[in-house]
Amino acid sequence: MKTNNKILFIIDELELKYFEFNRLVTNFWLIKGFIERGFDVLITVKNLLYLDGSQPMAKIYETSLKDNNIFKISKMRTICLNEFNTIFMRPDPPVDIDYINATYILSYVNEQSTFIANSPKALRDYNEKLYINKFPHLAPKNIVSANKDIIKEFLFNEHEIIIKPLNRCFSSGVFYLHSKDKNINAIIDTATNNGKTQVMVQKFLPGISEGDKRLVFIGGEIFKYAVRKVATNNDFKFNEHTSANLIKGDLNEKEKLIEKEIATTLINDGVYMAGLDVIDGKIIEINITSPCFFINEINSIYDIHFEDIILDKILNTMEHAAKIPSSVGVS
C-alpha cells in the first residue's frame, strides 16, 4: 500500500469553472482540511480522466491554501492515477453516460495501492434512490416504473405519493401527487418522459412537514450532528440552501439505530461516504455520489468544527484501507 500524501479530488465541472470554493461546498472543507494536515491535494473533473492503454490518467490542477481560501494553480499537468494515495470521486449528478464512463476509467486504478471513495463499482451498481431497497424495513413503501397504469394504481392505493427521477439531485424533477389531483396524467407523463423513463414512486411521509434530516455517514459511522432541511416557502420540499431552511436535527433513538442496520453493508459495497435523508425514521435516499455534509451549517448550529471531526474519521478510514499515517508532513 502507498504511504505518500498525494490526494485527488474529482469535482464537479461547475466547481472547477468558478473555483475558488465557497464555504457552503463540502469539498471546500475537505480540501482545506487535507492541505492543513500536510497533504498534497490536486483536483480534476471527470472529462479530464482518460486511459492510455491500460493506464488510468488525468489532467490535473494543483491547489494551495492562503488566508483560509483555496486556490488552484492554473497550469495543468498530466499524472497517472495510480500515483495517488486516495481519490475522492465527487461530481454532482446527473449520473449519466459521462459519469458512468468516468467510473470505468477509475476501475483501472490499482486498488491495492490507491483507495477510492466511493468505489467506482459502487457508484455504478447502487443508484442513490434505489439503494434504499437494500434495507426494505428502513425504506418507505415504493415502486420503480415508467408505466402510467402501475404508477396510478400505486397512487390510488396510497392516496399521496412522491415521484422522483433516478439520476438527479437537489430535488430536481421531484413531484408531489395526490389521488384527487386533476393533473395526474400530465404529471406522470412529465415525470416519466411519456412512459419512457423509469422513476421512483414513494409513499408520501407526513413528517416531511418538519423537514428531512441529513445524516452524515463516513467509514461506518453515523455522526450525532445533523441538519433538518425544511421546505422552502410554499413548496413541500427543501430546495434552497439558506440558513432559514437548515436547522438543528438531533438524532432520535430510532435514527441512532440506523448505523447498526446499514454500516456493514455500505462498507462491504465500497460506500465509505454517504448522506442519508431520513423522514419518520425511514431512509428516503442514500446519497453516495457527492454527499453534502452541511459542514458550514453544522458548525454554526452546534458551535463545533465539524470538518475536523469528519476529517479524523476519513483519515482513519484511509489508514485502515491504505495503511497510511493519520497525518502526513505535520510535526
C-alpha atoms as a PDB file:
ATOM      1  CA  MET A   1       0.000   0.000   0.000  1.00  0.00           C
ATOM      2  CA  LYS A   2       1.135   3.534  -0.766  1.00  0.00           C
ATOM      3  CA  THR A   3       2.232   5.826   2.022  1.00  0.00           C
ATOM      4  CA  ASN A   4       2.513   9.069   0.020  1.00  0.00           C
ATOM      5  CA  ASN A   5       0.481  12.171   0.769  1.00  0.00           C
ATOM      6  CA  LYS A   6      -0.977  12.770  -2.686  1.00  0.00           C
ATOM      7  CA  ILE A   7      -4.790  13.076  -2.872  1.00  0.00           C
ATOM      8  CA  LEU A   8      -7.031  13.697  -5.882  1.00  0.00           C
ATOM      9  CA  PHE A   9     -10.500  15.244  -5.764  1.00  0.00           C
ATOM     10  CA  ILE A  10     -12.622  14.715  -8.877  1.00  0.00           C
ATOM     11  CA  ILE A  11     -15.003  17.642  -8.506  1.00  0.00           C
ATOM     12  CA  ASP A  12     -17.989  18.980 -10.403  1.00  0.00           C
ATOM     13  CA  GLU A  13     -17.397  20.970 -13.593  1.00  0.00           C
ATOM     14  CA  LEU A  14     -19.265  23.940 -12.133  1.00  0.00           C
ATOM     15  CA  GLU A  15     -16.981  23.979  -9.083  1.00  0.00           C
ATOM     16  CA  LEU A  16     -13.909  23.982 -11.306  1.00  0.00           C
ATOM     17  CA  LYS A  17     -15.294  26.735 -13.531  1.00  0.00           C
ATOM     18  CA  TYR A  18     -15.962  29.077 -10.619  1.00  0.00           C
ATOM     19  CA  PHE A  19     -13.014  27.991  -8.469  1.00  0.00           C
ATOM     20  CA  GLU A  20     -12.281  29.001  -5.676  1.00  0.00           C
ATOM     21  CA  PHE A  21     -14.772  27.136  -3.489  1.00  0.00           C
ATOM     22  CA  ASN A  22     -17.057  28.814  -1.012  1.00  0.00           C
ATOM     23  CA  ARG A  23     -17.822  27.597   2.484  1.00  0.00           C
ATOM     24  CA  LEU A  24     -21.206  26.156   1.553  1.00  0.00           C
ATOM     25  CA  VAL A  25     -19.440  23.483  -0.513  1.00  0.00           C
ATOM     26  CA  THR A  26     -18.417  20.288   1.288  1.00  0.00           C
ATOM     27  CA  ASN A  27     -15.336  19.922  -0.928  1.00  0.00           C
ATOM     28  CA  PHE A  28     -14.016  23.271   0.347  1.00  0.00           C
ATOM     29  CA  TRP A  29     -13.819  21.987   3.910  1.00  0.00           C
ATOM     30  CA  LEU A  30     -12.391  18.594   2.954  1.00  0.00           C
ATOM     31  CA  ILE A  31      -9.680  20.002   0.680  1.00  0.00           C
ATOM     32  CA  LYS A  32      -8.815  22.764   3.158  1.00  0.00           C
ATOM     33  CA  GLY A  33      -8.520  20.236   5.961  1.00  0.00           C
ATOM     34  CA  PHE A  34      -6.253  17.912   3.977  1.00  0.00           C
ATOM     35  CA  ILE A  35      -3.953  20.771   2.965  1.00  0.00           C
ATOM     36  CA  GLU A  36      -3.755  21.979   6.565  1.00  0.00           C
ATOM     37  CA  ARG A  37      -2.692  18.474   7.611  1.00  0.00           C
ATOM     38  CA  GLY A  38       0.152  18.409   5.115  1.00  0.00           C
ATOM     39  CA  PHE A  39      -1.409  16.570   2.193  1.00  0.00           C
ATOM     40  CA  ASP A  40      -0.747  17.464  -1.436  1.00  0.00           C
ATOM     41  CA  VAL A  41      -4.278  17.936  -2.849  1.00  0.00           C
ATOM     42  CA  LEU A  42      -4.913  18.017  -6.584  1.00  0.00           C
ATOM     43  CA  ILE A  43      -8.190  18.460  -8.461  1.00  0.00           C
ATOM     44  CA  THR A  44      -9.703  17.450 -11.772  1.00  0.00           C
ATOM     45  CA  VAL A  45     -13.084  16.794 -13.389  1.00  0.00           C
ATOM     46  CA  LYS A  46     -14.457  13.616 -14.900  1.00  0.00           C
ATOM     47  CA  ASN A  47     -13.954  14.636 -18.557  1.00  0.00           C
ATOM     48  CA  LEU A  48     -10.217  15.142 -17.855  1.00  0.00           C
ATOM     49  CA  LEU A  49      -9.828  11.472 -16.909  1.00  0.00           C
ATOM     50  CA  TYR A  50      -8.544   9.199 -19.674  1.00  0.00           C
ATOM     51  CA  LEU A  51      -6.908   5.865 -20.422  1.00  0.00           C
ATOM     52  CA  ASP A  52      -3.506   5.435 -22.075  1.00  0.00           C
ATOM     53  CA  GLY A  53      -3.829   1.770 -22.934  1.00  0.00           C
ATOM     54  CA  SER A  54      -4.489   0.263 -19.530  1.00  0.00           C
ATOM     55  CA  GLN A  55      -3.001   3.185 -17.603  1.00  0.00           C
ATOM     56  CA  PRO A  56      -5.589   5.449 -15.895  1.00  0.00           C
ATOM     57  CA  MET A  57      -4.531   9.067 -16.412  1.00  0.00           C
ATOM     58  CA  ALA A  58      -5.802  12.583 -15.760  1.00  0.00           C
ATOM     59  CA  LYS A  59      -5.121  16.208 -16.490  1.00  0.00           C
ATOM     60  CA  ILE A  60      -4.977  17.855 -13.067  1.00  0.00           C
ATOM     61  CA  TYR A  61      -4.519  21.147 -11.241  1.00  0.00           C
ATOM     62  CA  GLU A  62      -2.558  21.679  -8.048  1.00  0.00           C
ATOM     63  CA  THR A  63      -4.165  23.549  -5.150  1.00  0.00           C
ATOM     64  CA  SER A  64      -2.885  25.838  -2.435  1.00  0.00           C
ATOM     65  CA  LEU A  65      -4.222  27.450   0.720  1.00  0.00           C
ATOM     66  CA  LYS A  66      -3.840  31.141   1.502  1.00  0.00           C
ATOM     67  CA  ASP A  67      -5.727  33.295   4.018  1.00  0.00           C
ATOM     68  CA  ASN A  68      -8.155  30.378   4.657  1.00  0.00           C
ATOM     69  CA  ASN A  69      -9.118  30.214   0.969  1.00  0.00           C
ATOM     70  CA  ILE A  70      -8.274  27.519  -1.574  1.00  0.00           C
ATOM     71  CA  PHE A  71      -6.739  28.405  -4.927  1.00  0.00           C
ATOM     72  CA  LYS A  72      -5.911  26.317  -7.955  1.00  0.00           C
ATOM     73  CA  ILE A  73      -2.630  26.696  -9.801  1.00  0.00           C
ATOM     74  CA  SER A  74      -3.678  27.474 -13.365  1.00  0.00           C
ATOM     75  CA  LYS A  75      -1.047  25.368 -15.134  1.00  0.00           C
ATOM     76  CA  MET A  76      -2.466  21.922 -15.924  1.00  0.00           C
ATOM     77  CA  ARG A  77      -0.295  18.819 -15.831  1.00  0.00           C
ATOM     78  CA  THR A  78      -0.671  15.107 -16.527  1.00  0.00           C
ATOM     79  CA  ILE A  79      -0.438  12.339 -13.948  1.00  0.00           C
ATOM     80  CA  CYS A  80      -1.166   8.621 -13.646  1.00  0.00           C
ATOM     81  CA  LEU A  81      -3.980   7.952 -11.198  1.00  0.00           C
ATOM     82  CA  ASN A  82      -2.008   5.096  -9.662  1.00  0.00           C
ATOM     83  CA  GLU A  83       0.333   7.714  -8.166  1.00  0.00           C
ATOM     84  CA  PHE A  84      -2.343   8.865  -5.741  1.00  0.00           C
ATOM     85  CA  ASN A  85      -2.783   7.561  -2.245  1.00  0.00           C
ATOM     86  CA  THR A  86      -6.508   8.372  -2.289  1.00  0.00           C
ATOM     87  CA  ILE A  87      -9.049   9.523  -4.889  1.00  0.00           C
ATOM     88  CA  PHE A  88     -12.362  11.141  -3.975  1.00  0.00           C
ATOM     89  CA  MET A  89     -14.967  10.830  -6.755  1.00  0.00           C
ATOM     90  CA  ARG A  90     -17.368  13.734  -6.083  1.00  0.00           C
ATOM     91  CA  PRO A  91     -19.044  15.175  -9.206  1.00  0.00           C
ATOM     92  CA  ASP A  92     -22.725  16.017  -8.744  1.00  0.00           C
ATOM     93  CA  PRO A  93     -25.454  14.060 -10.547  1.00  0.00           C
ATOM     94  CA  PRO A  94     -26.877  13.557 -13.097  1.00  0.00           C
ATOM     95  CA  VAL A  95     -25.422  10.074 -13.193  1.00  0.00           C
ATOM     96  CA  ASP A  96     -25.394   9.962 -16.970  1.00  0.00           C
ATOM     97  CA  ILE A  97     -23.254   8.116 -19.515  1.00  0.00           C
ATOM     98  CA  ASP A  98     -20.375  10.571 -18.994  1.00  0.00           C
ATOM     99  CA  TYR A  99     -20.441   9.856 -15.266  1.00  0.00           C
ATOM    100  CA  ILE A 100     -20.551   6.101 -15.854  1.00  0.00           C
ATOM    101  CA  ASN A 101     -17.661   6.297 -18.338  1.00  0.00           C
ATOM    102  CA  ALA A 102     -15.585   8.090 -15.694  1.00  0.00           C
ATOM    103  CA  THR A 103     -16.163   5.201 -13.288  1.00  0.00           C
ATOM    104  CA  TYR A 104     -14.965   2.768 -15.970  1.00  0.00           C
ATOM    105  CA  ILE A 105     -11.656   4.641 -16.121  1.00  0.00           C
ATOM    106  CA  LEU A 106     -11.388   4.635 -12.326  1.00  0.00           C
ATOM    107  CA  SER A 107     -11.835   0.864 -12.379  1.00  0.00           C
ATOM    108  CA  TYR A 108      -8.377   0.648 -13.997  1.00  0.00           C
ATOM    109  CA  VAL A 109      -6.799   2.234 -10.911  1.00  0.00           C
ATOM    110  CA  ASN A 110      -4.750  -0.246  -8.868  1.00  0.00           C
ATOM    111  CA  GLU A 111      -6.976  -0.780  -5.843  1.00  0.00           C
ATOM    112  CA  GLN A 112      -4.085  -2.411  -3.964  1.00  0.00           C
ATOM    113  CA  SER A 113      -2.236   0.893  -3.856  1.00  0.00           C
ATOM    114  CA  THR A 114      -4.912   3.590  -4.264  1.00  0.00           C
ATOM    115  CA  PHE A 115      -8.043   3.976  -2.166  1.00  0.00           C
ATOM    116  CA  ILE A 116     -11.119   5.375  -3.986  1.00  0.00           C
ATOM    117  CA  ALA A 117     -14.122   6.800  -2.132  1.00  0.00           C
ATOM    118  CA  ASN A 118     -16.670   5.878  -3.113  1.00  0.00           C
ATOM    119  CA  SER A 119     -15.625   2.877  -5.177  1.00  0.00           C
ATOM    120  CA  PRO A 120     -16.369   3.142  -8.922  1.00  0.00           C
ATOM    121  CA  LYS A 121     -18.174  -0.197  -8.804  1.00  0.00           C
ATOM    122  CA  ALA A 122     -20.449   1.043  -6.035  1.00  0.00           C
ATOM    123  CA  LEU A 123     -21.201   4.238  -7.951  1.00  0.00           C
ATOM    124  CA  ARG A 124     -22.257   2.147 -10.960  1.00  0.00           C
ATOM    125  CA  ASP A 125     -24.153  -0.536  -9.068  1.00  0.00           C
ATOM    126  CA  TYR A 126     -26.024   1.438  -6.413  1.00  0.00           C
ATOM    127  CA  ASN A 127     -28.375   4.141  -7.580  1.00  0.00           C
ATOM    128  CA  GLU A 128     -28.970   6.751  -4.866  1.00  0.00           C
ATOM    129  CA  LYS A 129     -32.740   6.311  -4.990  1.00  0.00           C
ATOM    130  CA  LEU A 130     -32.850   2.524  -5.451  1.00  0.00           C
ATOM    131  CA  TYR A 131     -30.187   1.790  -2.831  1.00  0.00           C
ATOM    132  CA  ILE A 132     -32.738   2.184  -0.026  1.00  0.00           C
ATOM    133  CA  ASN A 133     -34.341  -1.088  -1.115  1.00  0.00           C
ATOM    134  CA  LYS A 134     -31.317  -2.980   0.174  1.00  0.00           C
ATOM    135  CA  PHE A 135     -32.878  -2.126   3.550  1.00  0.00           C
ATOM    136  CA  PRO A 136     -36.602  -2.642   2.912  1.00  0.00           C
ATOM    137  CA  HIS A 137     -37.589  -2.349   6.584  1.00  0.00           C
ATOM    138  CA  LEU A 138     -35.984   1.111   6.658  1.00  0.00           C
ATOM    139  CA  ALA A 139     -37.408   2.323   3.346  1.00  0.00           C
ATOM    140  CA  PRO A 140     -40.821   3.859   2.660  1.00  0.00           C
ATOM    141  CA  LYS A 141     -43.162   1.822   0.526  1.00  0.00           C
ATOM    142  CA  ASN A 142     -42.141   2.379  -3.098  1.00  0.00           C
ATOM    143  CA  ILE A 143     -42.183   1.189  -6.674  1.00  0.00           C
ATOM    144  CA  VAL A 144     -39.956   1.886  -9.673  1.00  0.00           C
ATOM    145  CA  SER A 145     -41.689   2.090 -13.031  1.00  0.00           C
ATOM    146  CA  ALA A 146     -42.208   4.074 -16.221  1.00  0.00           C
ATOM    147  CA  ASN A 147     -45.700   2.660 -16.706  1.00  0.00           C
ATOM    148  CA  LYS A 148     -48.556   5.093 -16.096  1.00  0.00           C
ATOM    149  CA  ASP A 149     -51.064   2.405 -15.081  1.00  0.00           C
ATOM    150  CA  ILE A 150     -48.705   0.910 -12.499  1.00  0.00           C
ATOM    151  CA  ILE A 151     -47.953   4.344 -11.045  1.00  0.00           C
ATOM    152  CA  LYS A 152     -51.638   5.300 -10.937  1.00  0.00           C
ATOM    153  CA  GLU A 153     -52.540   2.055  -9.175  1.00  0.00           C
ATOM    154  CA  PHE A 154     -49.903   2.822  -6.524  1.00  0.00           C
ATOM    155  CA  LEU A 155     -51.226   6.389  -6.234  1.00  0.00           C
ATOM    156  CA  PHE A 156     -54.843   5.330  -5.716  1.00  0.00           C
ATOM    157  CA  ASN A 157     -53.787   2.754  -3.115  1.00  0.00           C
ATOM    158  CA  GLU A 158     -51.602   5.183  -1.149  1.00  0.00           C
ATOM    159  CA  HIS A 159     -53.500   8.442  -1.926  1.00  0.00           C
ATOM    160  CA  GLU A 160     -50.383  10.618  -1.640  1.00  0.00           C
ATOM    161  CA  ILE A 161     -47.071   9.899  -3.369  1.00  0.00           C
ATOM    162  CA  ILE A 162     -43.716  11.410  -4.295  1.00  0.00           C
ATOM    163  CA  ILE A 163     -42.304  10.850  -7.800  1.00  0.00           C
ATOM    164  CA  LYS A 164     -38.526  11.142  -8.217  1.00  0.00           C
ATOM    165  CA  PRO A 165     -36.148  10.876 -11.176  1.00  0.00           C
ATOM    166  CA  LEU A 166     -33.482   8.246 -10.556  1.00  0.00           C
ATOM    167  CA  ASN A 167     -30.384  10.182 -11.576  1.00  0.00           C
ATOM    168  CA  ARG A 168     -30.762  13.794 -10.455  1.00  0.00           C
ATOM    169  CA  CYS A 169     -30.155  15.804  -7.264  1.00  0.00           C
ATOM    170  CA  PHE A 170     -31.204  18.860  -5.224  1.00  0.00           C
ATOM    171  CA  SER A 171     -34.916  17.906  -5.555  1.00  0.00           C
ATOM    172  CA  SER A 172     -34.769  18.485  -9.313  1.00  0.00           C
ATOM    173  CA  GLY A 173     -37.750  16.886 -11.077  1.00  0.00           C
ATOM    174  CA  VAL A 174     -39.441  15.749  -7.841  1.00  0.00           C
ATOM    175  CA  PHE A 175     -43.264  15.858  -7.781  1.00  0.00           C
ATOM    176  CA  TYR A 176     -45.878  15.505  -5.046  1.00  0.00           C
ATOM    177  CA  LEU A 177     -49.106  13.924  -6.302  1.00  0.00           C
ATOM    178  CA  HIS A 178     -52.484  13.425  -4.594  1.00  0.00           C
ATOM    179  CA  SER A 179     -55.061  10.913  -5.803  1.00  0.00           C
ATOM    180  CA  LYS A 180     -57.584  13.784  -6.209  1.00  0.00           C
ATOM    181  CA  ASP A 181     -55.242  15.937  -8.286  1.00  0.00           C
ATOM    182  CA  LYS A 182     -56.738  16.988 -11.616  1.00  0.00           C
ATOM    183  CA  ASN A 183     -53.373  16.739 -13.434  1.00  0.00           C
ATOM    184  CA  ILE A 184     -52.453  13.139 -12.635  1.00  0.00           C
ATOM    185  CA  ASN A 185     -51.844  12.029 -16.204  1.00  0.00           C
ATOM    186  CA  ALA A 186     -49.906  15.154 -17.139  1.00  0.00           C
ATOM    187  CA  ILE A 187     -47.628  14.920 -14.096  1.00  0.00           C
ATOM    188  CA  ILE A 188     -46.897  11.231 -14.629  1.00  0.00           C
ATOM    189  CA  ASP A 189     -46.248  11.815 -18.335  1.00  0.00           C
ATOM    190  CA  THR A 190     -43.861  14.655 -17.486  1.00  0.00           C
ATOM    191  CA  ALA A 191     -42.018  12.670 -14.813  1.00  0.00           C
ATOM    192  CA  THR A 192     -41.640   9.543 -16.963  1.00  0.00           C
ATOM    193  CA  ASN A 193     -40.941  11.284 -20.278  1.00  0.00           C
ATOM    194  CA  ASN A 194     -44.235   9.895 -21.618  1.00  0.00           C
ATOM    195  CA  GLY A 195     -43.637   6.411 -20.288  1.00  0.00           C
ATOM    196  CA  LYS A 196     -40.023   6.065 -21.470  1.00  0.00           C
ATOM    197  CA  THR A 197     -38.100   6.779 -18.263  1.00  0.00           C
ATOM    198  CA  GLN A 198     -38.174   4.825 -15.010  1.00  0.00           C
ATOM    199  CA  VAL A 199     -38.921   6.837 -11.862  1.00  0.00           C
ATOM    200  CA  MET A 200     -39.106   6.020  -8.182  1.00  0.00           C
ATOM    201  CA  VAL A 201     -42.535   6.446  -6.633  1.00  0.00           C
ATOM    202  CA  GLN A 202     -42.622   6.593  -2.834  1.00  0.00           C
ATOM    203  CA  LYS A 203     -45.470   6.706  -0.369  1.00  0.00           C
ATOM    204  CA  PHE A 204     -45.746  10.261   0.953  1.00  0.00           C
ATOM    205  CA  LEU A 205     -44.420  10.604   4.503  1.00  0.00           C
ATOM    206  CA  PRO A 206     -46.233  13.299   6.511  1.00  0.00           C
ATOM    207  CA  GLY A 207     -43.123  14.001   8.584  1.00  0.00           C
ATOM    208  CA  ILE A 208     -41.766  15.991   5.643  1.00  0.00           C
ATOM    209  CA  SER A 209     -43.662  18.937   7.122  1.00  0.00           C
ATOM    210  CA  GLU A 210     -40.887  19.041   9.756  1.00  0.00           C
ATOM    211  CA  GLY A 211     -38.179  18.582   7.136  1.00  0.00           C
ATOM    212  CA  ASP A 212     -35.965  15.615   6.260  1.00  0.00           C
ATOM    213  CA  LYS A 213     -32.754  15.025   8.209  1.00  0.00           C
ATOM    214  CA  ARG A 214     -29.401  14.664   6.506  1.00  0.00           C
ATOM    215  CA  LEU A 215     -27.399  12.051   8.403  1.00  0.00           C
ATOM    216  CA  VAL A 216     -23.657  12.009   7.787  1.00  0.00           C
ATOM    217  CA  PHE A 217     -22.185   8.534   7.220  1.00  0.00           C
ATOM    218  CA  ILE A 218     -18.400   8.137   6.989  1.00  0.00           C
ATOM    219  CA  GLY A 219     -16.372   4.960   7.383  1.00  0.00           C
ATOM    220  CA  GLY A 220     -19.173   3.007   9.031  1.00  0.00           C
ATOM    221  CA  GLU A 221     -20.249   5.728  11.465  1.00  0.00           C
ATOM    222  CA  ILE A 222     -23.303   7.990  11.531  1.00  0.00           C
ATOM    223  CA  PHE A 223     -22.491  11.185  13.421  1.00  0.00           C
ATOM    224  CA  LYS A 224     -24.733  12.690  16.065  1.00  0.00           C
ATOM    225  CA  TYR A 225     -24.605  16.092  14.356  1.00  0.00           C
ATOM    226  CA  ALA A 226     -27.247  16.594  11.667  1.00  0.00           C
ATOM    227  CA  VAL A 227     -29.400  19.204   9.975  1.00  0.00           C
ATOM    228  CA  ARG A 228     -33.083  19.217   9.133  1.00  0.00           C
ATOM    229  CA  LYS A 229     -33.813  20.510   5.652  1.00  0.00           C
ATOM    230  CA  VAL A 230     -37.169  22.233   5.862  1.00  0.00           C
ATOM    231  CA  ALA A 231     -39.414  23.205   2.982  1.00  0.00           C
ATOM    232  CA  THR A 232     -38.946  26.448   1.106  1.00  0.00           C
ATOM    233  CA  ASN A 233     -41.868  28.892   1.160  1.00  0.00           C
ATOM    234  CA  ASN A 234     -44.960  27.126  -0.236  1.00  0.00           C
ATOM    235  CA  ASP A 235     -43.088  24.078  -1.532  1.00  0.00           C
ATOM    236  CA  PHE A 236     -43.292  20.667   0.137  1.00  0.00           C
ATOM    237  CA  LYS A 237     -39.538  20.058  -0.152  1.00  0.00           C
ATOM    238  CA  PHE A 238     -36.192  21.672   0.598  1.00  0.00           C
ATOM    239  CA  ASN A 239     -34.634  23.296  -2.459  1.00  0.00           C
ATOM    240  CA  GLU A 240     -32.997  26.492  -1.257  1.00  0.00           C
ATOM    241  CA  HIS A 241     -29.655  26.468   0.577  1.00  0.00           C
ATOM    242  CA  THR A 242     -30.305  29.137   3.220  1.00  0.00           C
ATOM    243  CA  SER A 243     -29.826  29.199   6.996  1.00  0.00           C
ATOM    244  CA  ALA A 244     -33.580  29.583   7.472  1.00  0.00           C
ATOM    245  CA  ASN A 245     -34.154  26.242   5.769  1.00  0.00           C
ATOM    246  CA  LEU A 246     -31.352  24.340   7.518  1.00  0.00           C
ATOM    247  CA  ILE A 247     -31.938  23.869  11.227  1.00  0.00           C
ATOM    248  CA  LYS A 248     -30.713  21.633  14.044  1.00  0.00           C
ATOM    249  CA  GLY A 249     -31.561  17.961  13.571  1.00  0.00           C
ATOM    250  CA  ASP A 250     -30.549  15.962  16.636  1.00  0.00           C
ATOM    251  CA  LEU A 251     -30.924  12.239  16.051  1.00  0.00           C
ATOM    252  CA  ASN A 252     -33.747  10.439  17.832  1.00  0.00           C
ATOM    253  CA  GLU A 253     -33.423   6.918  19.225  1.00  0.00           C
ATOM    254  CA  LYS A 254     -34.776   5.272  16.081  1.00  0.00           C
ATOM    255  CA  GLU A 255     -32.350   7.172  13.869  1.00  0.00           C
ATOM    256  CA  LYS A 256     -29.408   6.247  16.094  1.00  0.00           C
ATOM    257  CA  LEU A 257     -30.093   2.566  15.357  1.00  0.00           C
ATOM    258  CA  ILE A 258     -29.787   3.060  11.592  1.00  0.00           C
ATOM    259  CA  GLU A 259     -25.980   2.876  11.784  1.00  0.00           C
ATOM    260  CA  LYS A 260     -26.092  -0.720  13.071  1.00  0.00           C
ATOM    261  CA  GLU A 261     -28.550  -1.668  10.342  1.00  0.00           C
ATOM    262  CA  ILE A 262     -26.607  -0.334   7.359  1.00  0.00           C
ATOM    263  CA  ALA A 263     -22.917   0.189   8.203  1.00  0.00           C
ATOM    264  CA  THR A 264     -21.563  -3.252   7.343  1.00  0.00           C
ATOM    265  CA  THR A 265     -23.468  -3.429   4.065  1.00  0.00           C
ATOM    266  CA  LEU A 266     -22.357   0.007   2.885  1.00  0.00           C
ATOM    267  CA  ILE A 267     -18.696  -0.608   3.700  1.00  0.00           C
ATOM    268  CA  ASN A 268     -18.771  -4.053   2.043  1.00  0.00           C
ATOM    269  CA  ASP A 269     -20.327  -2.404  -1.023  1.00  0.00           C
ATOM    270  CA  GLY A 270     -17.469   0.124  -1.205  1.00  0.00           C
ATOM    271  CA  VAL A 271     -19.549   3.041   0.068  1.00  0.00           C
ATOM    272  CA  TYR A 272     -17.394   4.912   2.593  1.00  0.00           C
ATOM    273  CA  MET A 273     -19.094   8.317   2.451  1.00  0.00           C
ATOM    274  CA  ALA A 274     -22.828   8.906   2.210  1.00  0.00           C
ATOM    275  CA  GLY A 275     -25.546  11.332   3.134  1.00  0.00           C
ATOM    276  CA  LEU A 276     -28.739   9.652   4.337  1.00  0.00           C
ATOM    277  CA  ASP A 277     -32.006  11.549   4.030  1.00  0.00           C
ATOM    278  CA  VAL A 278     -34.470  10.407   6.693  1.00  0.00           C
ATOM    279  CA  ILE A 279     -38.164  11.167   7.330  1.00  0.00           C
ATOM    280  CA  ASP A 280     -40.259   9.493  10.031  1.00  0.00           C
ATOM    281  CA  GLY A 281     -37.431   7.038  10.676  1.00  0.00           C
ATOM    282  CA  LYS A 282     -37.406   5.937   7.026  1.00  0.00           C
ATOM    283  CA  ILE A 283     -34.445   6.397   4.687  1.00  0.00           C
ATOM    284  CA  ILE A 284     -35.738   8.106   1.538  1.00  0.00           C
ATOM    285  CA  GLU A 285     -32.347   8.385  -0.216  1.00  0.00           C
ATOM    286  CA  ILE A 286     -28.758   7.253   0.261  1.00  0.00           C
ATOM    287  CA  ASN A 287     -26.631   9.910  -1.428  1.00  0.00           C
ATOM    288  CA  ILE A 288     -23.304   8.385  -2.477  1.00  0.00           C
ATOM    289  CA  THR A 289     -22.109  10.472  -5.440  1.00  0.00           C
ATOM    290  CA  SER A 290     -21.201  13.821  -3.855  1.00  0.00           C
ATOM    291  CA  PRO A 291     -22.977  13.872  -0.490  1.00  0.00           C
ATOM    292  CA  CYS A 292     -23.293  17.306   1.060  1.00  0.00           C
ATOM    293  CA  PHE A 293     -22.432  17.249   4.761  1.00  0.00           C
ATOM    294  CA  PHE A 294     -23.617  20.816   5.503  1.00  0.00           C
ATOM    295  CA  ILE A 295     -20.395  21.482   7.412  1.00  0.00           C
ATOM    296  CA  ASN A 296     -20.801  25.250   7.487  1.00  0.00           C
ATOM    297  CA  GLU A 297     -24.327  24.985   8.935  1.00  0.00           C
ATOM    298  CA  ILE A 298     -23.455  22.263  11.455  1.00  0.00           C
ATOM    299  CA  ASN A 299     -20.537  24.351  12.699  1.00  0.00           C
ATOM    300  CA  SER A 300     -22.862  27.281  13.271  1.00  0.00           C
ATOM    301  CA  ILE A 301     -25.712  25.282  14.816  1.00  0.00           C
ATOM    302  CA  TYR A 302     -23.620  23.175  17.209  1.00  0.00           C
ATOM    303  CA  ASP A 303     -20.688  25.585  17.718  1.00  0.00           C
ATOM    304  CA  ILE A 304     -18.135  22.946  16.692  1.00  0.00           C
ATOM    305  CA  HIS A 305     -15.512  22.404  13.993  1.00  0.00           C
ATOM    306  CA  PHE A 306     -17.264  19.551  12.207  1.00  0.00           C
ATOM    307  CA  GLU A 307     -14.655  19.496   9.456  1.00  0.00           C
ATOM    308  CA  ASP A 308     -12.040  18.329  11.964  1.00  0.00           C
ATOM    309  CA  ILE A 309     -14.326  15.610  13.316  1.00  0.00           C
ATOM    310  CA  ILE A 310     -15.176  14.142   9.930  1.00  0.00           C
ATOM    311  CA  LEU A 311     -11.632  14.537   8.596  1.00  0.00           C
ATOM    312  CA  ASP A 312     -10.349  12.486  11.532  1.00  0.00           C
ATOM    313  CA  LYS A 313     -12.821   9.778  10.530  1.00  0.00           C
ATOM    314  CA  ILE A 314     -11.889   9.982   6.844  1.00  0.00           C
ATOM    315  CA  LEU A 315      -8.189   9.687   7.697  1.00  0.00           C
ATOM    316  CA  ASN A 316      -8.936   6.711   9.920  1.00  0.00           C
ATOM    317  CA  THR A 317     -10.821   5.094   7.038  1.00  0.00           C
ATOM    318  CA  MET A 318      -7.945   5.834   4.633  1.00  0.00           C
ATOM    319  CA  GLU A 319      -5.437   4.468   7.125  1.00  0.00           C
ATOM    320  CA  HIS A 320      -7.429   1.276   7.521  1.00  0.00           C
ATOM    321  CA  ALA A 321      -7.691   0.870   3.730  1.00  0.00           C
ATOM    322  CA  ALA A 322      -4.212   2.012   2.712  1.00  0.00           C
ATOM    323  CA  LYS A 323      -2.126   1.675   5.888  1.00  0.00           C
ATOM    324  CA  ILE A 324      -1.016   5.313   5.837  1.00  0.00           C
ATOM    325  CA  PRO A 325      -0.173   7.553   8.808  1.00  0.00           C
ATOM    326  CA  SER A 326      -3.071   9.529  10.256  1.00  0.00           C
ATOM    327  CA  SER A 327      -1.242  12.778   9.366  1.00  0.00           C
ATOM    328  CA  VAL A 328       1.472  13.491   6.852  1.00  0.00           C
ATOM    329  CA  GLY A 329       4.125  16.184   6.972  1.00  0.00           C
ATOM    330  CA  VAL A 330       2.798  17.721  10.191  1.00  0.00           C
ATOM    331  CA  SER A 331       5.152  17.993  13.136  1.00  0.00           C
END
